[in-house]
Amino acid sequence: MLTSLPLHAATLLVLGDSLGASYGVDEHKGWVEELRNALPEHTIINGSVSGETSAGGLRRLPGLLQSVHPDVVLVELGGNDGLRGFPPAELKKNLKKIIELSQQAGAKVLLSQVMVPPNYGPRYEKAFMAVYQQLAEQPQVTLVPFFMTVIAPHPELMQRDGIHPNEQAQLTISEFMLPWVQKALE
Protein backbone atom coordinates (compact mmCIF):
# COMPACT_ATOMS: atom_id res chain seq x y z
CA MET A 1 0.00 0.00 0.00
CA LEU A 2 1.42 3.36 -1.04
CA THR A 3 0.69 6.51 0.86
CA SER A 4 1.25 10.04 -0.26
CA LEU A 5 3.71 11.89 1.93
CA PRO A 6 4.69 15.52 1.56
CA LEU A 7 7.98 16.05 -0.25
CA HIS A 8 9.21 17.99 2.72
CA ALA A 9 7.76 19.02 6.01
CA ALA A 10 7.75 22.79 6.29
CA THR A 11 7.69 25.25 9.16
CA LEU A 12 5.11 28.01 9.39
CA LEU A 13 5.55 30.96 11.75
CA VAL A 14 2.40 32.89 12.66
CA LEU A 15 3.40 36.43 13.65
CA GLY A 16 0.25 38.02 14.96
CA ASP A 17 -1.59 39.87 17.68
CA SER A 18 -4.49 38.82 19.93
CA LEU A 19 -6.39 37.42 16.94
CA GLY A 20 -3.47 35.08 16.19
CA ALA A 21 -3.01 34.35 19.89
CA SER A 22 -6.73 33.48 20.15
CA TYR A 23 -7.21 35.89 23.06
CA GLY A 24 -9.78 34.69 25.57
CA VAL A 25 -9.70 31.12 24.26
CA ASP A 26 -7.69 28.17 25.59
CA GLU A 27 -4.59 28.09 23.38
CA HIS A 28 -5.18 24.41 22.64
CA LYS A 29 -8.53 25.35 21.09
CA GLY A 30 -7.33 28.33 19.04
CA TRP A 31 -7.27 28.48 15.25
CA VAL A 32 -3.49 28.03 15.05
CA GLU A 33 -3.83 24.79 17.01
CA GLU A 34 -6.63 23.77 14.63
CA LEU A 35 -4.20 24.39 11.75
CA ARG A 36 -1.68 22.13 13.49
CA ASN A 37 -4.32 19.42 13.69
CA ALA A 38 -5.16 19.83 9.99
CA LEU A 39 -1.48 19.84 8.92
CA PRO A 40 0.28 17.41 11.30
CA GLU A 41 3.14 16.83 8.86
CA HIS A 42 4.24 20.46 9.21
CA THR A 43 5.59 22.43 12.14
CA ILE A 44 3.45 25.45 13.05
CA ILE A 45 4.86 27.95 15.52
CA ASN A 46 2.55 30.56 16.99
CA GLY A 47 4.59 33.69 17.59
CA SER A 48 1.49 35.79 18.24
CA VAL A 49 1.20 38.07 21.27
CA SER A 50 -1.96 39.78 22.45
CA GLY A 51 -1.69 43.55 22.14
CA GLU A 52 1.15 43.32 19.62
CA THR A 53 1.68 46.18 17.18
CA SER A 54 3.57 46.02 13.90
CA ALA A 55 6.54 47.69 15.65
CA GLY A 56 6.52 45.04 18.38
CA GLY A 57 6.32 42.25 15.82
CA LEU A 58 9.22 43.78 13.92
CA ARG A 59 11.32 43.94 17.11
CA ARG A 60 10.67 40.26 17.89
CA LEU A 61 11.00 38.94 14.34
CA PRO A 62 14.82 38.60 14.02
CA GLY A 63 14.96 36.33 17.07
CA LEU A 64 12.04 34.25 15.82
CA LEU A 65 13.58 33.88 12.36
CA GLN A 66 16.86 32.79 13.89
CA SER A 67 15.31 30.23 16.24
CA VAL A 68 12.48 28.91 14.04
CA HIS A 69 13.91 29.07 10.48
CA PRO A 70 10.41 29.23 8.93
CA ASP A 71 9.61 28.32 5.35
CA VAL A 72 6.50 30.53 5.54
CA VAL A 73 5.70 33.54 7.72
CA LEU A 74 2.04 34.41 8.15
CA VAL A 75 1.89 38.06 9.23
CA GLU A 76 -1.34 38.99 11.04
CA LEU A 77 -0.49 42.41 12.45
CA GLY A 78 -1.90 45.91 12.27
CA GLY A 79 -5.12 45.72 14.26
CA ASN A 80 -3.56 47.28 17.36
CA ASP A 81 -1.83 49.92 15.24
CA GLY A 82 -5.25 50.86 13.86
CA LEU A 83 -7.05 50.75 17.20
CA ARG A 84 -4.42 53.11 18.59
CA GLY A 85 -4.74 55.43 15.60
CA PHE A 86 -1.11 55.04 14.52
CA PRO A 87 -0.31 56.59 11.13
CA PRO A 88 -0.78 54.17 8.22
CA ALA A 89 2.67 55.20 6.92
CA GLU A 90 4.23 53.81 10.14
CA LEU A 91 2.28 50.56 9.76
CA LYS A 92 3.43 50.26 6.14
CA LYS A 93 7.08 50.87 7.06
CA ASN A 94 6.99 48.20 9.80
CA LEU A 95 5.13 45.59 7.72
CA LYS A 96 7.45 46.22 4.74
CA LYS A 97 10.48 45.56 6.96
CA ILE A 98 8.83 42.41 8.38
CA ILE A 99 8.28 41.17 4.82
CA GLU A 100 11.85 42.00 3.79
CA LEU A 101 13.41 40.28 6.82
CA SER A 102 11.23 37.20 6.32
CA GLN A 103 12.14 36.96 2.65
CA GLN A 104 15.83 37.52 3.37
CA ALA A 105 15.58 34.53 5.72
CA GLY A 106 14.21 32.48 2.80
CA ALA A 107 10.56 32.42 3.87
CA LYS A 108 7.47 32.92 1.77
CA VAL A 109 5.17 35.60 3.17
CA LEU A 110 1.43 35.46 3.71
CA LEU A 111 0.12 38.90 4.69
CA SER A 112 -3.25 38.77 6.39
CA GLN A 113 -5.29 41.83 5.62
CA VAL A 114 -6.52 43.69 8.68
CA MET A 115 -9.31 46.25 8.84
CA VAL A 116 -10.21 48.93 11.36
CA PRO A 117 -13.72 49.62 12.60
CA PRO A 118 -15.63 52.16 10.50
CA ASN A 119 -15.85 54.63 13.40
CA TYR A 120 -12.26 55.69 12.63
CA GLY A 121 -13.61 57.54 9.62
CA PRO A 122 -13.47 56.79 5.91
CA ARG A 123 -10.19 58.61 5.26
CA TYR A 124 -8.25 56.67 7.91
CA GLU A 125 -9.97 53.41 6.97
CA LYS A 126 -9.09 53.86 3.28
CA ALA A 127 -5.45 54.74 4.03
CA PHE A 128 -5.17 51.79 6.43
CA MET A 129 -6.57 49.30 3.91
CA ALA A 130 -4.33 50.70 1.16
CA VAL A 131 -1.26 49.64 3.17
CA TYR A 132 -2.10 45.97 2.69
CA GLN A 133 -2.99 46.37 -0.98
CA GLN A 134 0.28 48.19 -1.68
CA LEU A 135 2.40 45.66 0.20
CA ALA A 136 0.70 42.80 -1.64
CA GLU A 137 2.11 44.23 -4.87
CA GLN A 138 5.60 43.30 -3.71
CA PRO A 139 7.06 40.15 -5.25
CA GLN A 140 6.41 36.92 -3.37
CA VAL A 141 3.80 38.37 -1.00
CA THR A 142 0.38 36.76 -0.90
CA LEU A 143 -2.44 38.86 0.54
CA VAL A 144 -4.88 36.80 2.58
CA PRO A 145 -8.34 38.34 3.05
CA PHE A 146 -9.19 39.37 6.61
CA PHE A 147 -10.75 36.35 8.31
CA MET A 148 -12.80 38.52 10.63
CA THR A 149 -15.07 39.44 7.70
CA VAL A 150 -16.62 35.96 8.01
CA ILE A 151 -16.68 36.02 11.83
CA ALA A 152 -17.61 39.54 12.99
CA PRO A 153 -21.08 39.62 11.32
CA HIS A 154 -22.10 36.70 13.57
CA PRO A 155 -22.45 37.85 17.20
CA GLU A 156 -22.62 34.22 18.33
CA LEU A 157 -18.99 33.83 17.14
CA MET A 158 -17.72 36.85 19.07
CA GLN A 159 -16.66 37.41 22.65
CA ARG A 160 -18.45 40.03 24.73
CA ASP A 161 -15.86 42.67 23.83
CA GLY A 162 -17.07 42.59 20.22
CA ILE A 163 -13.44 42.47 19.00
CA HIS A 164 -12.24 38.91 19.59
CA PRO A 165 -13.64 35.67 18.17
CA ASN A 166 -14.86 33.14 20.71
CA GLU A 167 -13.98 29.45 20.96
CA GLN A 168 -16.78 28.49 18.59
CA ALA A 169 -15.21 30.68 15.85
CA GLN A 170 -11.74 29.10 15.98
CA LEU A 171 -12.45 26.17 13.66
CA THR A 172 -14.09 28.53 11.15
CA ILE A 173 -10.96 30.73 11.17
CA SER A 174 -8.75 27.67 10.71
CA GLU A 175 -10.85 26.45 7.79
CA PHE A 176 -10.69 29.94 6.26
CA MET A 177 -6.89 30.08 6.58
CA LEU A 178 -6.17 26.46 5.63
CA PRO A 179 -6.17 26.75 1.80
CA TRP A 180 -3.91 29.82 1.94
CA VAL A 181 -1.49 28.08 4.28
CA GLN A 182 -1.54 24.81 2.33
CA LYS A 183 -0.71 26.57 -0.92
CA ALA A 184 2.17 28.47 0.69
CA LEU A 185 3.57 25.28 2.23
CA GLU A 186 3.67 23.47 -1.13
C-alpha atoms as a PDB file:
ATOM      1  CA  MET A   1       0.000   0.000   0.000  1.00  0.00           C
ATOM      2  CA  LEU A   2       1.423   3.362  -1.040  1.00  0.00           C
ATOM      3  CA  THR A   3       0.689   6.512   0.865  1.00  0.00           C
ATOM      4  CA  SER A   4       1.253  10.042  -0.257  1.00  0.00           C
ATOM      5  CA  LEU A   5       3.708  11.890   1.927  1.00  0.00           C
ATOM      6  CA  PRO A   6       4.690  15.521   1.556  1.00  0.00           C
ATOM      7  CA  LEU A   7       7.976  16.051  -0.249  1.00  0.00           C
ATOM      8  CA  HIS A   8       9.209  17.995   2.716  1.00  0.00           C
ATOM      9  CA  ALA A   9       7.759  19.017   6.007  1.00  0.00           C
ATOM     10  CA  ALA A  10       7.750  22.787   6.286  1.00  0.00           C
ATOM     11  CA  THR A  11       7.688  25.246   9.158  1.00  0.00           C
ATOM     12  CA  LEU A  12       5.106  28.014   9.389  1.00  0.00           C
ATOM     13  CA  LEU A  13       5.546  30.957  11.750  1.00  0.00           C
ATOM     14  CA  VAL A  14       2.403  32.889  12.659  1.00  0.00           C
ATOM     15  CA  LEU A  15       3.396  36.428  13.650  1.00  0.00           C
ATOM     16  CA  GLY A  16       0.248  38.022  14.963  1.00  0.00           C
ATOM     17  CA  ASP A  17      -1.594  39.867  17.679  1.00  0.00           C
ATOM     18  CA  SER A  18      -4.492  38.821  19.931  1.00  0.00           C
ATOM     19  CA  LEU A  19      -6.392  37.421  16.937  1.00  0.00           C
ATOM     20  CA  GLY A  20      -3.471  35.084  16.192  1.00  0.00           C
ATOM     21  CA  ALA A  21      -3.011  34.347  19.885  1.00  0.00           C
ATOM     22  CA  SER A  22      -6.734  33.484  20.149  1.00  0.00           C
ATOM     23  CA  TYR A  23      -7.208  35.891  23.060  1.00  0.00           C
ATOM     24  CA  GLY A  24      -9.781  34.688  25.573  1.00  0.00           C
ATOM     25  CA  VAL A  25      -9.703  31.116  24.261  1.00  0.00           C
ATOM     26  CA  ASP A  26      -7.688  28.172  25.593  1.00  0.00           C
ATOM     27  CA  GLU A  27      -4.586  28.094  23.384  1.00  0.00           C
ATOM     28  CA  HIS A  28      -5.182  24.411  22.635  1.00  0.00           C
ATOM     29  CA  LYS A  29      -8.533  25.354  21.093  1.00  0.00           C
ATOM     30  CA  GLY A  30      -7.327  28.329  19.042  1.00  0.00           C
ATOM     31  CA  TRP A  31      -7.266  28.485  15.254  1.00  0.00           C
ATOM     32  CA  VAL A  32      -3.494  28.033  15.051  1.00  0.00           C
ATOM     33  CA  GLU A  33      -3.827  24.787  17.011  1.00  0.00           C
ATOM     34  CA  GLU A  34      -6.635  23.770  14.631  1.00  0.00           C
ATOM     35  CA  LEU A  35      -4.204  24.391  11.746  1.00  0.00           C
ATOM     36  CA  ARG A  36      -1.677  22.132  13.485  1.00  0.00           C
ATOM     37  CA  ASN A  37      -4.319  19.423  13.693  1.00  0.00           C
ATOM     38  CA  ALA A  38      -5.158  19.834   9.992  1.00  0.00           C
ATOM     39  CA  LEU A  39      -1.484  19.835   8.922  1.00  0.00           C
ATOM     40  CA  PRO A  40       0.278  17.413  11.296  1.00  0.00           C
ATOM     41  CA  GLU A  41       3.137  16.829   8.857  1.00  0.00           C
ATOM     42  CA  HIS A  42       4.241  20.459   9.205  1.00  0.00           C
ATOM     43  CA  THR A  43       5.591  22.434  12.141  1.00  0.00           C
ATOM     44  CA  ILE A  44       3.451  25.445  13.048  1.00  0.00           C
ATOM     45  CA  ILE A  45       4.862  27.948  15.518  1.00  0.00           C
ATOM     46  CA  ASN A  46       2.549  30.556  16.992  1.00  0.00           C
ATOM     47  CA  GLY A  47       4.585  33.694  17.590  1.00  0.00           C
ATOM     48  CA  SER A  48       1.487  35.794  18.237  1.00  0.00           C
ATOM     49  CA  VAL A  49       1.202  38.069  21.267  1.00  0.00           C
ATOM     50  CA  SER A  50      -1.963  39.784  22.453  1.00  0.00           C
ATOM     51  CA  GLY A  51      -1.689  43.550  22.137  1.00  0.00           C
ATOM     52  CA  GLU A  52       1.150  43.318  19.618  1.00  0.00           C
ATOM     53  CA  THR A  53       1.680  46.178  17.176  1.00  0.00           C
ATOM     54  CA  SER A  54       3.567  46.023  13.902  1.00  0.00           C
ATOM     55  CA  ALA A  55       6.542  47.690  15.646  1.00  0.00           C
ATOM     56  CA  GLY A  56       6.520  45.038  18.381  1.00  0.00           C
ATOM     57  CA  GLY A  57       6.323  42.246  15.818  1.00  0.00           C
ATOM     58  CA  LEU A  58       9.224  43.784  13.915  1.00  0.00           C
ATOM     59  CA  ARG A  59      11.319  43.940  17.114  1.00  0.00           C
ATOM     60  CA  ARG A  60      10.669  40.258  17.889  1.00  0.00           C
ATOM     61  CA  LEU A  61      11.002  38.936  14.337  1.00  0.00           C
ATOM     62  CA  PRO A  62      14.820  38.595  14.023  1.00  0.00           C
ATOM     63  CA  GLY A  63      14.963  36.327  17.072  1.00  0.00           C
ATOM     64  CA  LEU A  64      12.037  34.253  15.824  1.00  0.00           C
ATOM     65  CA  LEU A  65      13.577  33.878  12.365  1.00  0.00           C
ATOM     66  CA  GLN A  66      16.859  32.790  13.894  1.00  0.00           C
ATOM     67  CA  SER A  67      15.312  30.229  16.238  1.00  0.00           C
ATOM     68  CA  VAL A  68      12.481  28.905  14.043  1.00  0.00           C
ATOM     69  CA  HIS A  69      13.906  29.074  10.481  1.00  0.00           C
ATOM     70  CA  PRO A  70      10.412  29.228   8.933  1.00  0.00           C
ATOM     71  CA  ASP A  71       9.610  28.318   5.347  1.00  0.00           C
ATOM     72  CA  VAL A  72       6.502  30.526   5.545  1.00  0.00           C
ATOM     73  CA  VAL A  73       5.705  33.539   7.718  1.00  0.00           C
ATOM     74  CA  LEU A  74       2.039  34.410   8.155  1.00  0.00           C
ATOM     75  CA  VAL A  75       1.887  38.057   9.232  1.00  0.00           C
ATOM     76  CA  GLU A  76      -1.337  38.985  11.043  1.00  0.00           C
ATOM     77  CA  LEU A  77      -0.494  42.407  12.455  1.00  0.00           C
ATOM     78  CA  GLY A  78      -1.902  45.907  12.267  1.00  0.00           C
ATOM     79  CA  GLY A  79      -5.116  45.720  14.260  1.00  0.00           C
ATOM     80  CA  ASN A  80      -3.561  47.276  17.356  1.00  0.00           C
ATOM     81  CA  ASP A  81      -1.833  49.918  15.240  1.00  0.00           C
ATOM     82  CA  GLY A  82      -5.247  50.857  13.862  1.00  0.00           C
ATOM     83  CA  LEU A  83      -7.050  50.747  17.198  1.00  0.00           C
ATOM     84  CA  ARG A  84      -4.421  53.106  18.591  1.00  0.00           C
ATOM     85  CA  GLY A  85      -4.742  55.434  15.601  1.00  0.00           C
ATOM     86  CA  PHE A  86      -1.107  55.038  14.524  1.00  0.00           C
ATOM     87  CA  PRO A  87      -0.305  56.592  11.129  1.00  0.00           C
ATOM     88  CA  PRO A  88      -0.778  54.166   8.218  1.00  0.00           C
ATOM     89  CA  ALA A  89       2.671  55.195   6.924  1.00  0.00           C
ATOM     90  CA  GLU A  90       4.229  53.814  10.137  1.00  0.00           C
ATOM     91  CA  LEU A  91       2.279  50.565   9.756  1.00  0.00           C
ATOM     92  CA  LYS A  92       3.434  50.262   6.144  1.00  0.00           C
ATOM     93  CA  LYS A  93       7.080  50.873   7.063  1.00  0.00           C
ATOM     94  CA  ASN A  94       6.987  48.201   9.799  1.00  0.00           C
ATOM     95  CA  LEU A  95       5.133  45.595   7.715  1.00  0.00           C
ATOM     96  CA  LYS A  96       7.453  46.216   4.743  1.00  0.00           C
ATOM     97  CA  LYS A  97      10.477  45.561   6.957  1.00  0.00           C
ATOM     98  CA  ILE A  98       8.834  42.414   8.384  1.00  0.00           C
ATOM     99  CA  ILE A  99       8.280  41.169   4.821  1.00  0.00           C
ATOM    100  CA  GLU A 100      11.852  41.996   3.793  1.00  0.00           C
ATOM    101  CA  LEU A 101      13.407  40.280   6.822  1.00  0.00           C
ATOM    102  CA  SER A 102      11.227  37.201   6.320  1.00  0.00           C
ATOM    103  CA  GLN A 103      12.140  36.965   2.650  1.00  0.00           C
ATOM    104  CA  GLN A 104      15.831  37.515   3.370  1.00  0.00           C
ATOM    105  CA  ALA A 105      15.577  34.529   5.722  1.00  0.00           C
ATOM    106  CA  GLY A 106      14.214  32.477   2.804  1.00  0.00           C
ATOM    107  CA  ALA A 107      10.558  32.424   3.875  1.00  0.00           C
ATOM    108  CA  LYS A 108       7.470  32.924   1.774  1.00  0.00           C
ATOM    109  CA  VAL A 109       5.169  35.596   3.167  1.00  0.00           C
ATOM    110  CA  LEU A 110       1.431  35.463   3.708  1.00  0.00           C
ATOM    111  CA  LEU A 111       0.122  38.900   4.693  1.00  0.00           C
ATOM    112  CA  SER A 112      -3.246  38.769   6.387  1.00  0.00           C
ATOM    113  CA  GLN A 113      -5.290  41.831   5.621  1.00  0.00           C
ATOM    114  CA  VAL A 114      -6.522  43.693   8.676  1.00  0.00           C
ATOM    115  CA  MET A 115      -9.312  46.247   8.840  1.00  0.00           C
ATOM    116  CA  VAL A 116     -10.207  48.928  11.357  1.00  0.00           C
ATOM    117  CA  PRO A 117     -13.720  49.618  12.603  1.00  0.00           C
ATOM    118  CA  PRO A 118     -15.629  52.162  10.501  1.00  0.00           C
ATOM    119  CA  ASN A 119     -15.847  54.627  13.405  1.00  0.00           C
ATOM    120  CA  TYR A 120     -12.262  55.693  12.627  1.00  0.00           C
ATOM    121  CA  GLY A 121     -13.608  57.541   9.617  1.00  0.00           C
ATOM    122  CA  PRO A 122     -13.471  56.790   5.906  1.00  0.00           C
ATOM    123  CA  ARG A 123     -10.195  58.606   5.255  1.00  0.00           C
ATOM    124  CA  TYR A 124      -8.249  56.667   7.906  1.00  0.00           C
ATOM    125  CA  GLU A 125      -9.971  53.410   6.966  1.00  0.00           C
ATOM    126  CA  LYS A 126      -9.094  53.858   3.284  1.00  0.00           C
ATOM    127  CA  ALA A 127      -5.454  54.743   4.034  1.00  0.00           C
ATOM    128  CA  PHE A 128      -5.169  51.792   6.428  1.00  0.00           C
ATOM    129  CA  MET A 129      -6.565  49.302   3.912  1.00  0.00           C
ATOM    130  CA  ALA A 130      -4.333  50.702   1.159  1.00  0.00           C
ATOM    131  CA  VAL A 131      -1.257  49.644   3.170  1.00  0.00           C
ATOM    132  CA  TYR A 132      -2.104  45.967   2.695  1.00  0.00           C
ATOM    133  CA  GLN A 133      -2.994  46.373  -0.983  1.00  0.00           C
ATOM    134  CA  GLN A 134       0.280  48.185  -1.681  1.00  0.00           C
ATOM    135  CA  LEU A 135       2.405  45.659   0.197  1.00  0.00           C
ATOM    136  CA  ALA A 136       0.699  42.798  -1.640  1.00  0.00           C
ATOM    137  CA  GLU A 137       2.105  44.227  -4.872  1.00  0.00           C
ATOM    138  CA  GLN A 138       5.602  43.305  -3.710  1.00  0.00           C
ATOM    139  CA  PRO A 139       7.060  40.150  -5.251  1.00  0.00           C
ATOM    140  CA  GLN A 140       6.415  36.922  -3.367  1.00  0.00           C
ATOM    141  CA  VAL A 141       3.803  38.373  -1.000  1.00  0.00           C
ATOM    142  CA  THR A 142       0.379  36.760  -0.899  1.00  0.00           C
ATOM    143  CA  LEU A 143      -2.436  38.857   0.540  1.00  0.00           C
ATOM    144  CA  VAL A 144      -4.882  36.798   2.580  1.00  0.00           C
ATOM    145  CA  PRO A 145      -8.345  38.337   3.046  1.00  0.00           C
ATOM    146  CA  PHE A 146      -9.189  39.368   6.606  1.00  0.00           C
ATOM    147  CA  PHE A 147     -10.749  36.346   8.306  1.00  0.00           C
ATOM    148  CA  MET A 148     -12.797  38.522  10.626  1.00  0.00           C
ATOM    149  CA  THR A 149     -15.070  39.441   7.702  1.00  0.00           C
ATOM    150  CA  VAL A 150     -16.620  35.962   8.012  1.00  0.00           C
ATOM    151  CA  ILE A 151     -16.681  36.015  11.831  1.00  0.00           C
ATOM    152  CA  ALA A 152     -17.615  39.537  12.986  1.00  0.00           C
ATOM    153  CA  PRO A 153     -21.081  39.622  11.321  1.00  0.00           C
ATOM    154  CA  HIS A 154     -22.104  36.703  13.572  1.00  0.00           C
ATOM    155  CA  PRO A 155     -22.448  37.848  17.202  1.00  0.00           C
ATOM    156  CA  GLU A 156     -22.619  34.220  18.335  1.00  0.00           C
ATOM    157  CA  LEU A 157     -18.990  33.830  17.141  1.00  0.00           C
ATOM    158  CA  MET A 158     -17.717  36.845  19.070  1.00  0.00           C
ATOM    159  CA  GLN A 159     -16.658  37.409  22.655  1.00  0.00           C
ATOM    160  CA  ARG A 160     -18.454  40.029  24.734  1.00  0.00           C
ATOM    161  CA  ASP A 161     -15.859  42.675  23.827  1.00  0.00           C
ATOM    162  CA  GLY A 162     -17.068  42.587  20.220  1.00  0.00           C
ATOM    163  CA  ILE A 163     -13.444  42.468  18.999  1.00  0.00           C
ATOM    164  CA  HIS A 164     -12.236  38.913  19.588  1.00  0.00           C
ATOM    165  CA  PRO A 165     -13.640  35.670  18.172  1.00  0.00           C
ATOM    166  CA  ASN A 166     -14.856  33.142  20.714  1.00  0.00           C
ATOM    167  CA  GLU A 167     -13.979  29.453  20.962  1.00  0.00           C
ATOM    168  CA  GLN A 168     -16.781  28.492  18.590  1.00  0.00           C
ATOM    169  CA  ALA A 169     -15.208  30.676  15.849  1.00  0.00           C
ATOM    170  CA  GLN A 170     -11.743  29.104  15.980  1.00  0.00           C
ATOM    171  CA  LEU A 171     -12.454  26.170  13.660  1.00  0.00           C
ATOM    172  CA  THR A 172     -14.087  28.533  11.155  1.00  0.00           C
ATOM    173  CA  ILE A 173     -10.964  30.727  11.167  1.00  0.00           C
ATOM    174  CA  SER A 174      -8.746  27.673  10.709  1.00  0.00           C
ATOM    175  CA  GLU A 175     -10.853  26.451   7.790  1.00  0.00           C
ATOM    176  CA  PHE A 176     -10.693  29.945   6.256  1.00  0.00           C
ATOM    177  CA  MET A 177      -6.890  30.081   6.585  1.00  0.00           C
ATOM    178  CA  LEU A 178      -6.169  26.461   5.632  1.00  0.00           C
ATOM    179  CA  PRO A 179      -6.171  26.751   1.802  1.00  0.00           C
ATOM    180  CA  TRP A 180      -3.914  29.815   1.943  1.00  0.00           C
ATOM    181  CA  VAL A 181      -1.485  28.084   4.279  1.00  0.00           C
ATOM    182  CA  GLN A 182      -1.537  24.806   2.333  1.00  0.00           C
ATOM    183  CA  LYS A 183      -0.709  26.572  -0.925  1.00  0.00           C
ATOM    184  CA  ALA A 184       2.166  28.472   0.695  1.00  0.00           C
ATOM    185  CA  LEU A 185       3.569  25.276   2.230  1.00  0.00           C
ATOM    186  CA  GLU A 186       3.669  23.468  -1.128  1.00  0.00           C
END
